[in-house]
Amino acid sequence: NGFQYGITMTDVTPVKSLASARQQVLSHLRLTT
């Protein structure tokens, strides 16, 4: 699997929404929902 040891990220609160992430990917691929 892709398990990685030593990840030390302490702030795991997302700032960007799923909707904005999805829109960025779709825009990059020039697709619509």
Full PDB file with SEQRES, HELIX, SHEET, SSBOND, CRYST1, ORIGX, SCALE, CONECT and MASTER records, all heavy atoms in Angstrom:
SEQRES   1 A   33  ASN GLY PHE GLN TYR GLY ILE THR MET THR ASP VAL THR          
SEQRES   2 A   33  PRO VAL LYS SER LEU ALA SER ALA ARG GLN GLN VAL LEU          
SEQRES   3 A   33  SER HIS LEU ARG LEU THR THR                                  
HELIX    1 AA1 LEU A   18  LEU A   29  1                                  12    
CRYST1    1.000    1.000    1.000  90.00  90.00  90.00 P 1           1          
ORIGX1      1.000000  0.000000  0.000000        0.00000                         
ORIGX2      0.000000  1.000000  0.000000        0.00000                         
ORIGX3      0.000000  0.000000  1.000000        0.00000                         
SCALE1      1.000000  0.000000  0.000000        0.00000                         
SCALE2      0.000000  1.000000  0.000000        0.00000                         
SCALE3      0.000000  0.000000  1.000000        0.00000                         
ATOM      1  N   ASN A   1       0.842  -1.188   0.000  1.00  0.00           N  
ATOM      2  CA  ASN A   1       0.000   0.000   0.000  1.00  0.00           C  
ATOM      3  C   ASN A   1       0.881   1.242   0.000  1.00  0.00           C  
ATOM      4  O   ASN A   1       2.089   1.159  -0.020  1.00  0.00           O  
ATOM      5  CB  ASN A   1      -0.954  -0.017   1.200  1.00  0.00           C  
ATOM      6  CG  ASN A   1      -0.236   0.028   2.523  1.00  0.00           C  
ATOM      7  OD1 ASN A   1       0.762   0.716   2.683  1.00  0.00           O  
ATOM      8  ND2 ASN A   1      -0.740  -0.707   3.496  1.00  0.00           N  
ATOM      9  N   GLY A   2       0.270   2.384   0.046  1.00  0.00           N  
ATOM     10  CA  GLY A   2       1.018   3.633  -0.029  1.00  0.00           C  
ATOM     11  C   GLY A   2       1.261   4.280   1.319  1.00  0.00           C  
ATOM     12  O   GLY A   2       1.472   5.477   1.392  1.00  0.00           O  
ATOM     13  N   PHE A   3       1.218   3.506   2.421  1.00  0.00           N  
ATOM     14  CA  PHE A   3       1.416   4.080   3.749  1.00  0.00           C  
ATOM     15  C   PHE A   3       2.779   4.744   3.855  1.00  0.00           C  
ATOM     16  O   PHE A   3       3.782   4.181   3.438  1.00  0.00           O  
ATOM     17  CB  PHE A   3       1.276   3.001   4.829  1.00  0.00           C  
ATOM     18  CG  PHE A   3       1.400   3.541   6.220  1.00  0.00           C  
ATOM     19  CD1 PHE A   3       0.336   4.186   6.814  1.00  0.00           C  
ATOM     20  CD2 PHE A   3       2.587   3.423   6.919  1.00  0.00           C  
ATOM     21  CE1 PHE A   3       0.443   4.700   8.098  1.00  0.00           C  
ATOM     22  CE2 PHE A   3       2.716   3.942   8.200  1.00  0.00           C  
ATOM     23  CZ  PHE A   3       1.637   4.580   8.793  1.00  0.00           C  
ATOM     24  N   GLN A   4       2.793   5.950   4.408  1.00  0.00           N  
ATOM     25  CA  GLN A   4       4.031   6.704   4.582  1.00  0.00           C  
ATOM     26  C   GLN A   4       4.247   6.967   6.071  1.00  0.00           C  
ATOM     27  O   GLN A   4       3.349   7.471   6.746  1.00  0.00           O  
ATOM     28  CB  GLN A   4       3.954   8.050   3.853  1.00  0.00           C  
ATOM     29  CG  GLN A   4       3.861   7.947   2.369  1.00  0.00           C  
ATOM     30  CD  GLN A   4       5.193   7.598   1.742  1.00  0.00           C  
ATOM     31  OE1 GLN A   4       6.239   8.012   2.191  1.00  0.00           O  
ATOM     32  NE2 GLN A   4       5.136   6.797   0.696  1.00  0.00           N  
ATOM     33  N   TYR A   5       5.411   6.662   6.576  1.00  0.00           N  
ATOM     34  CA  TYR A   5       5.768   6.965   7.952  1.00  0.00           C  
ATOM     35  C   TYR A   5       6.245   8.407   8.054  1.00  0.00           C  
ATOM     36  O   TYR A   5       6.789   8.962   7.106  1.00  0.00           O  
ATOM     37  CB  TYR A   5       6.893   6.040   8.428  1.00  0.00           C  
ATOM     38  CG  TYR A   5       6.454   4.617   8.614  1.00  0.00           C  
ATOM     39  CD1 TYR A   5       6.617   3.697   7.582  1.00  0.00           C  
ATOM     40  CD2 TYR A   5       5.863   4.198   9.796  1.00  0.00           C  
ATOM     41  CE1 TYR A   5       6.206   2.386   7.730  1.00  0.00           C  
ATOM     42  CE2 TYR A   5       5.446   2.883   9.965  1.00  0.00           C  
ATOM     43  CZ  TYR A   5       5.620   1.975   8.936  1.00  0.00           C  
ATOM     44  OH  TYR A   5       5.218   0.692   9.079  1.00  0.00           O  
ATOM     45  N   GLY A   6       6.045   8.999   9.217  1.00  0.00           N  
ATOM     46  CA  GLY A   6       6.639  10.294   9.503  1.00  0.00           C  
ATOM     47  C   GLY A   6       5.847  11.509   9.056  1.00  0.00           C  
ATOM     48  O   GLY A   6       6.378  12.612   9.090  1.00  0.00           O  
ATOM     49  N   ILE A   7       4.612  11.352   8.638  1.00  0.00           N  
ATOM     50  CA  ILE A   7       3.813  12.524   8.291  1.00  0.00           C  
ATOM     51  C   ILE A   7       3.455  13.235   9.587  1.00  0.00           C  
ATOM     52  O   ILE A   7       2.912  12.634  10.509  1.00  0.00           O  
ATOM     53  CB  ILE A   7       2.552  12.140   7.497  1.00  0.00           C  
ATOM     54  CG1 ILE A   7       2.966  11.580   6.128  1.00  0.00           C  
ATOM     55  CG2 ILE A   7       1.614  13.331   7.343  1.00  0.00           C  
ATOM     56  CD1 ILE A   7       1.827  11.112   5.267  1.00  0.00           C  
ATOM     57  N   THR A   8       3.788  14.505   9.663  1.00  0.00           N  
ATOM     58  CA  THR A   8       3.621  15.246  10.915  1.00  0.00           C  
ATOM     59  C   THR A   8       2.696  16.445  10.771  1.00  0.00           C  
ATOM     60  O   THR A   8       2.829  17.418  11.506  1.00  0.00           O  
ATOM     61  CB  THR A   8       5.000  15.718  11.426  1.00  0.00           C  
ATOM     62  OG1 THR A   8       5.596  16.533  10.428  1.00  0.00           O  
ATOM     63  CG2 THR A   8       5.900  14.554  11.760  1.00  0.00           C  
ATOM     64  N   MET A   9       1.770  16.406   9.867  1.00  0.00           N  
ATOM     65  CA  MET A   9       0.852  17.526   9.665  1.00  0.00           C  
ATOM     66  C   MET A   9      -0.061  17.643  10.889  1.00  0.00           C  
ATOM     67  O   MET A   9      -0.677  16.674  11.305  1.00  0.00           O  
ATOM     68  CB  MET A   9       0.035  17.301   8.400  1.00  0.00           C  
ATOM     69  CG  MET A   9      -0.896  18.453   8.080  1.00  0.00           C  
ATOM     70  SD  MET A   9      -1.652  18.268   6.466  1.00  0.00           S  
ATOM     71  CE  MET A   9      -0.298  18.777   5.448  1.00  0.00           C  
ATOM     72  N   THR A  10      -0.127  18.834  11.471  1.00  0.00           N  
ATOM     73  CA  THR A  10      -0.945  19.021  12.665  1.00  0.00           C  
ATOM     74  C   THR A  10      -2.286  19.673  12.356  1.00  0.00           C  
ATOM     75  O   THR A  10      -3.272  19.387  13.026  1.00  0.00           O  
ATOM     76  CB  THR A  10      -0.192  19.873  13.706  1.00  0.00           C  
ATOM     77  OG1 THR A  10       0.183  21.109  13.107  1.00  0.00           O  
ATOM     78  CG2 THR A  10       1.040  19.142  14.203  1.00  0.00           C  
ATOM     79  N   ASP A  11      -2.350  20.543  11.370  1.00  0.00           N  
ATOM     80  CA  ASP A  11      -3.608  21.219  11.016  1.00  0.00           C  
ATOM     81  C   ASP A  11      -4.261  20.477   9.858  1.00  0.00           C  
ATOM     82  O   ASP A  11      -3.809  20.565   8.717  1.00  0.00           O  
ATOM     83  CB  ASP A  11      -3.337  22.672  10.624  1.00  0.00           C  
ATOM     84  CG  ASP A  11      -4.614  23.423  10.292  1.00  0.00           C  
ATOM     85  OD1 ASP A  11      -5.726  22.881  10.509  1.00  0.00           O  
ATOM     86  OD2 ASP A  11      -4.506  24.563   9.793  1.00  0.00           O  
ATOM     87  N   VAL A  12      -5.298  19.732  10.160  1.00  0.00           N  
ATOM     88  CA  VAL A  12      -5.981  18.941   9.128  1.00  0.00           C  
ATOM     89  C   VAL A  12      -7.398  19.461   8.875  1.00  0.00           C  
ATOM     90  O   VAL A  12      -8.306  18.706   8.544  1.00  0.00           O  
ATOM     91  CB  VAL A  12      -5.991  17.431   9.484  1.00  0.00           C  
ATOM     92  CG1 VAL A  12      -4.593  16.868   9.416  1.00  0.00           C  
ATOM     93  CG2 VAL A  12      -6.613  17.197  10.852  1.00  0.00           C  
ATOM     94  N   THR A  13      -7.563  20.762   8.996  1.00  0.00           N  
ATOM     95  CA  THR A  13      -8.843  21.393   8.691  1.00  0.00           C  
ATOM     96  C   THR A  13      -8.772  21.959   7.277  1.00  0.00           C  
ATOM     97  O   THR A  13      -7.953  22.834   6.992  1.00  0.00           O  
ATOM     98  CB  THR A  13      -9.138  22.536   9.688  1.00  0.00           C  
ATOM     99  OG1 THR A  13      -9.075  22.016  11.007  1.00  0.00           O  
ATOM    100  CG2 THR A  13     -10.504  23.137   9.426  1.00  0.00           C  
ATOM    101  N   PRO A  14      -9.646  21.459   6.370  1.00  0.00           N  
ATOM    102  CA  PRO A  14      -9.602  21.967   4.994  1.00  0.00           C  
ATOM    103  C   PRO A  14     -10.097  23.408   4.906  1.00  0.00           C  
ATOM    104  O   PRO A  14     -10.987  23.818   5.649  1.00  0.00           O  
ATOM    105  CB  PRO A  14     -10.535  21.026   4.231  1.00  0.00           C  
ATOM    106  CG  PRO A  14     -11.424  20.432   5.261  1.00  0.00           C  
ATOM    107  CD  PRO A  14     -10.664  20.431   6.554  1.00  0.00           C  
ATOM    108  N   VAL A  15      -9.501  24.165   4.005  1.00  0.00           N  
ATOM    109  CA  VAL A  15      -9.920  25.539   3.737  1.00  0.00           C  
ATOM    110  C   VAL A  15     -10.787  25.561   2.479  1.00  0.00           C  
ATOM    111  O   VAL A  15     -11.808  26.232   2.437  1.00  0.00           O  
ATOM    112  CB  VAL A  15      -8.687  26.463   3.569  1.00  0.00           C  
ATOM    113  CG1 VAL A  15      -9.101  27.861   3.139  1.00  0.00           C  
ATOM    114  CG2 VAL A  15      -7.874  26.497   4.857  1.00  0.00           C  
ATOM    115  N   LYS A  16     -10.370  24.820   1.451  1.00  0.00           N  
ATOM    116  CA  LYS A  16     -11.088  24.784   0.174  1.00  0.00           C  
ATOM    117  C   LYS A  16     -12.159  23.696   0.217  1.00  0.00           C  
ATOM    118  O   LYS A  16     -11.939  22.589   0.711  1.00  0.00           O  
ATOM    119  CB  LYS A  16     -10.136  24.517  -0.990  1.00  0.00           C  
ATOM    120  CG  LYS A  16      -9.064  25.571  -1.152  1.00  0.00           C  
ATOM    121  CD  LYS A  16      -9.694  26.910  -1.494  1.00  0.00           C  
ATOM    122  CE  LYS A  16      -8.629  27.979  -1.666  1.00  0.00           C  
ATOM    123  NZ  LYS A  16      -9.182  29.246  -2.096  1.00  0.00           N  
ATOM    124  N   SER A  17     -13.320  24.000  -0.325  1.00  0.00           N  
ATOM    125  CA  SER A  17     -14.434  23.060  -0.325  1.00  0.00           C  
ATOM    126  C   SER A  17     -14.269  21.991  -1.403  1.00  0.00           C  
ATOM    127  O   SER A  17     -13.505  22.174  -2.364  1.00  0.00           O  
ATOM    128  CB  SER A  17     -15.746  23.802  -0.564  1.00  0.00           C  
ATOM    129  OG  SER A  17     -15.786  24.287  -1.901  1.00  0.00           O  
ATOM    130  N   LEU A  18     -15.000  20.916  -1.235  1.00  0.00           N  
ATOM    131  CA  LEU A  18     -15.025  19.866  -2.254  1.00  0.00           C  
ATOM    132  C   LEU A  18     -15.555  20.438  -3.569  1.00  0.00           C  
ATOM    133  O   LEU A  18     -15.026  20.134  -4.638  1.00  0.00           O  
ATOM    134  CB  LEU A  18     -15.882  18.690  -1.797  1.00  0.00           C  
ATOM    135  CG  LEU A  18     -16.132  17.604  -2.831  1.00  0.00           C  
ATOM    136  CD1 LEU A  18     -14.829  16.964  -3.294  1.00  0.00           C  
ATOM    137  CD2 LEU A  18     -17.080  16.555  -2.275  1.00  0.00           C  
ATOM    138  N   ALA A  19     -16.560  21.283  -3.500  1.00  0.00           N  
ATOM    139  CA  ALA A  19     -17.141  21.868  -4.722  1.00  0.00           C  
ATOM    140  C   ALA A  19     -16.108  22.686  -5.495  1.00  0.00           C  
ATOM    141  O   ALA A  19     -16.035  22.591  -6.723  1.00  0.00           O  
ATOM    142  CB  ALA A  19     -18.347  22.732  -4.370  1.00  0.00           C  
ATOM    143  N   SER A  20     -15.285  23.463  -4.793  1.00  0.00           N  
ATOM    144  CA  SER A  20     -14.281  24.256  -5.510  1.00  0.00           C  
ATOM    145  C   SER A  20     -13.173  23.369  -6.065  1.00  0.00           C  
ATOM    146  O   SER A  20     -12.674  23.618  -7.161  1.00  0.00           O  
ATOM    147  CB  SER A  20     -13.706  25.357  -4.623  1.00  0.00           C  
ATOM    148  OG  SER A  20     -12.825  24.853  -3.657  1.00  0.00           O  
ATOM    149  N   ALA A  21     -12.806  22.309  -5.345  1.00  0.00           N  
ATOM    150  CA  ALA A  21     -11.795  21.372  -5.856  1.00  0.00           C  
ATOM    151  C   ALA A  21     -12.320  20.663  -7.101  1.00  0.00           C  
ATOM    152  O   ALA A  21     -11.608  20.526  -8.094  1.00  0.00           O  
ATOM    153  CB  ALA A  21     -11.422  20.358  -4.778  1.00  0.00           C  
ATOM    154  N   ARG A  22     -13.569  20.223  -7.049  1.00  0.00           N  
ATOM    155  CA  ARG A  22     -14.174  19.541  -8.202  1.00  0.00           C  
ATOM    156  C   ARG A  22     -14.221  20.473  -9.402  1.00  0.00           C  
ATOM    157  O   ARG A  22     -13.883  20.083 -10.519  1.00  0.00           O  
ATOM    158  CB  ARG A  22     -15.583  19.064  -7.867  1.00  0.00           C  
ATOM    159  CG  ARG A  22     -16.247  18.344  -9.033  1.00  0.00           C  
ATOM    160  CD  ARG A  22     -17.716  18.023  -8.806  1.00  0.00           C  
ATOM    161  NE  ARG A  22     -17.928  17.139  -7.687  1.00  0.00           N  
ATOM    162  CZ  ARG A  22     -18.617  17.466  -6.580  1.00  0.00           C  
ATOM    163  NH1 ARG A  22     -19.147  18.671  -6.460  1.00  0.00           N  
ATOM    164  NH2 ARG A  22     -18.778  16.598  -5.620  1.00  0.00           N  
ATOM    165  N   GLN A  23     -14.619  21.717  -9.189  1.00  0.00           N  
ATOM    166  CA  GLN A  23     -14.711  22.675 -10.290  1.00  0.00           C  
ATOM    167  C   GLN A  23     -13.343  22.935 -10.904  1.00  0.00           C  
ATOM    168  O   GLN A  23     -13.220  23.055 -12.119  1.00  0.00           O  
ATOM    169  CB  GLN A  23     -15.348  23.982  -9.818  1.00  0.00           C  
ATOM    170  CG  GLN A  23     -15.610  24.949 -10.944  1.00  0.00           C  
ATOM    171  CD  GLN A  23     -16.472  24.334 -12.044  1.00  0.00           C  
ATOM    172  OE1 GLN A  23     -17.523  23.767 -11.781  1.00  0.00           O  
ATOM    173  NE2 GLN A  23     -16.019  24.437 -13.288  1.00  0.00           N  
ATOM    174  N   GLN A  24     -12.315  22.991 -10.082  1.00  0.00           N  
ATOM    175  CA  GLN A  24     -10.968  23.217 -10.613  1.00  0.00           C  
ATOM    176  C   GLN A  24     -10.542  22.056 -11.506  1.00  0.00           C  
ATOM    177  O   GLN A  24      -9.982  22.263 -12.580  1.00  0.00           O  
ATOM    178  CB  GLN A  24      -9.964  23.380  -9.481  1.00  0.00           C  
ATOM    179  CG  GLN A  24      -8.579  23.644 -10.011  1.00  0.00           C  
ATOM    180  CD  GLN A  24      -7.610  24.041  -8.926  1.00  0.00           C  
ATOM    181  OE1 GLN A  24      -7.948  24.124  -7.773  1.00  0.00           O  
ATOM    182  NE2 GLN A  24      -6.383  24.289  -9.322  1.00  0.00           N  
ATOM    183  N   VAL A  25     -10.813  20.818 -11.084  1.00  0.00           N  
ATOM    184  CA  VAL A  25     -10.448  19.649 -11.889  1.00  0.00           C  
ATOM    185  C   VAL A  25     -11.228  19.645 -13.201  1.00  0.00           C  
ATOM    186  O   VAL A  25     -10.660  19.446 -14.277  1.00  0.00           O  
ATOM    187  CB  VAL A  25     -10.691  18.342 -11.105  1.00  0.00           C  
ATOM    188  CG1 VAL A  25     -10.510  17.121 -11.994  1.00  0.00           C  
ATOM    189  CG2 VAL A  25      -9.768  18.270  -9.895  1.00  0.00           C  
ATOM    190  N   LEU A  26     -12.531  19.878 -13.125  1.00  0.00           N  
ATOM    191  CA  LEU A  26     -13.355  19.871 -14.334  1.00  0.00           C  
ATOM    192  C   LEU A  26     -12.945  20.986 -15.290  1.00  0.00           C  
ATOM    193  O   LEU A  26     -12.899  20.776 -16.504  1.00  0.00           O  
ATOM    194  CB  LEU A  26     -14.830  19.978 -13.972  1.00  0.00           C  
ATOM    195  CG  LEU A  26     -15.408  18.792 -13.203  1.00  0.00           C  
ATOM    196  CD1 LEU A  26     -16.878  19.035 -12.876  1.00  0.00           C  
ATOM    197  CD2 LEU A  26     -15.213  17.494 -13.939  1.00  0.00           C  
ATOM    198  N   SER A  27     -12.630  22.149 -14.761  1.00  0.00           N  
ATOM    199  CA  SER A  27     -12.175  23.258 -15.613  1.00  0.00           C  
ATOM    200  C   SER A  27     -10.860  22.901 -16.293  1.00  0.00           C  
ATOM    201  O   SER A  27     -10.678  23.196 -17.476  1.00  0.00           O  
ATOM    202  CB  SER A  27     -11.997  24.536 -14.791  1.00  0.00           C  
ATOM    203  OG  SER A  27     -13.229  24.979 -14.314  1.00  0.00           O  
ATOM    204  N   HIS A  28      -9.963  22.274 -15.548  1.00  0.00           N  
ATOM    205  CA  HIS A  28      -8.673  21.882 -16.125  1.00  0.00           C  
ATOM    206  C   HIS A  28      -8.867  20.907 -17.290  1.00  0.00           C  
ATOM    207  O   HIS A  28      -8.171  20.984 -18.295  1.00  0.00           O  
ATOM    208  CB  HIS A  28      -7.789  21.257 -15.045  1.00  0.00           C  
ATOM    209  CG  HIS A  28      -6.420  20.922 -15.522  1.00  0.00           C  
ATOM    210  ND1 HIS A  28      -5.414  21.862 -15.593  1.00  0.00           N  
ATOM    211  CD2 HIS A  28      -5.886  19.766 -15.971  1.00  0.00           C  
ATOM    212  CE1 HIS A  28      -4.324  21.288 -16.070  1.00  0.00           C  
ATOM    213  NE2 HIS A  28      -4.582  20.018 -16.301  1.00  0.00           N  
ATOM    214  N   LEU A  29      -9.816  19.979 -17.133  1.00  0.00           N  
ATOM    215  CA  LEU A  29     -10.090  18.994 -18.189  1.00  0.00           C  
ATOM    216  C   LEU A  29     -11.096  19.494 -19.226  1.00  0.00           C  
ATOM    217  O   LEU A  29     -11.395  18.789 -20.196  1.00  0.00           O  
ATOM    218  CB  LEU A  29     -10.616  17.697 -17.572  1.00  0.00           C  
ATOM    219  CG  LEU A  29      -9.622  16.909 -16.730  1.00  0.00           C  
ATOM    220  CD1 LEU A  29     -10.324  15.751 -16.032  1.00  0.00           C  
ATOM    221  CD2 LEU A  29      -8.481  16.398 -17.590  1.00  0.00           C  
ATOM    222  N   ARG A  30     -11.627  20.688 -19.001  1.00  0.00           N  
ATOM    223  CA  ARG A  30     -12.650  21.277 -19.881  1.00  0.00           C  
ATOM    224  C   ARG A  30     -13.884  20.378 -19.977  1.00  0.00           C  
ATOM    225  O   ARG A  30     -14.382  20.073 -21.071  1.00  0.00           O  
ATOM    226  CB  ARG A  30     -12.082  21.594 -21.250  1.00  0.00           C  
ATOM    227  CG  ARG A  30     -11.000  22.643 -21.163  1.00  0.00           C  
ATOM    228  CD  ARG A  30     -10.479  23.026 -22.493  1.00  0.00           C  
ATOM    229  NE  ARG A  30      -9.440  24.044 -22.272  1.00  0.00           N  
ATOM    230  CZ  ARG A  30      -8.518  24.322 -23.136  1.00  0.00           C  
ATOM    231  NH1 ARG A  30      -8.473  23.717 -24.280  1.00  0.00           N  
ATOM    232  NH2 ARG A  30      -7.621  25.227 -22.864  1.00  0.00           N  
ATOM    233  N   LEU A  31     -14.365  19.950 -18.800  1.00  0.00           N  
ATOM    234  CA  LEU A  31     -15.559  19.108 -18.697  1.00  0.00           C  
ATOM    235  C   LEU A  31     -16.615  19.835 -17.883  1.00  0.00           C  
ATOM    236  O   LEU A  31     -16.317  20.778 -17.156  1.00  0.00           O  
ATOM    237  CB  LEU A  31     -15.224  17.778 -17.999  1.00  0.00           C  
ATOM    238  CG  LEU A  31     -14.238  16.848 -18.679  1.00  0.00           C  
ATOM    239  CD1 LEU A  31     -13.898  15.684 -17.755  1.00  0.00           C  
ATOM    240  CD2 LEU A  31     -14.796  16.341 -19.990  1.00  0.00           C  
ATOM    241  N   THR A  32     -17.855  19.362 -17.986  1.00  0.00           N  
ATOM    242  CA  THR A  32     -18.937  19.856 -17.138  1.00  0.00           C  
ATOM    243  C   THR A  32     -19.356  18.739 -16.194  1.00  0.00           C  
ATOM    244  O   THR A  32     -19.030  17.569 -16.403  1.00  0.00           O  
ATOM    245  CB  THR A  32     -20.156  20.285 -17.975  1.00  0.00           C  
ATOM    246  OG1 THR A  32     -20.711  19.121 -18.609  1.00  0.00           O  
ATOM    247  CG2 THR A  32     -19.781  21.328 -19.019  1.00  0.00           C  
ATOM    248  N   THR A  33     -20.104  19.102 -15.172  1.00  0.00           N  
ATOM    249  CA  THR A  33     -20.558  18.091 -14.207  1.00  0.00           C  
ATOM    250  C   THR A  33     -21.438  17.040 -14.869  1.00  0.00           C  
ATOM    251  O   THR A  33     -21.505  15.913 -14.398  1.00  0.00           O  
ATOM    252  CB  THR A  33     -21.316  18.737 -13.034  1.00  0.00           C  
ATOM    253  OG1 THR A  33     -22.381  19.536 -13.552  1.00  0.00           O  
ATOM    254  CG2 THR A  33     -20.403  19.590 -12.197  1.00  0.00           C  
TER     255      THR A  33                                                      
MASTER        0    0    0    1    0    0    0    6  254    1    0    3          
END                                                                             
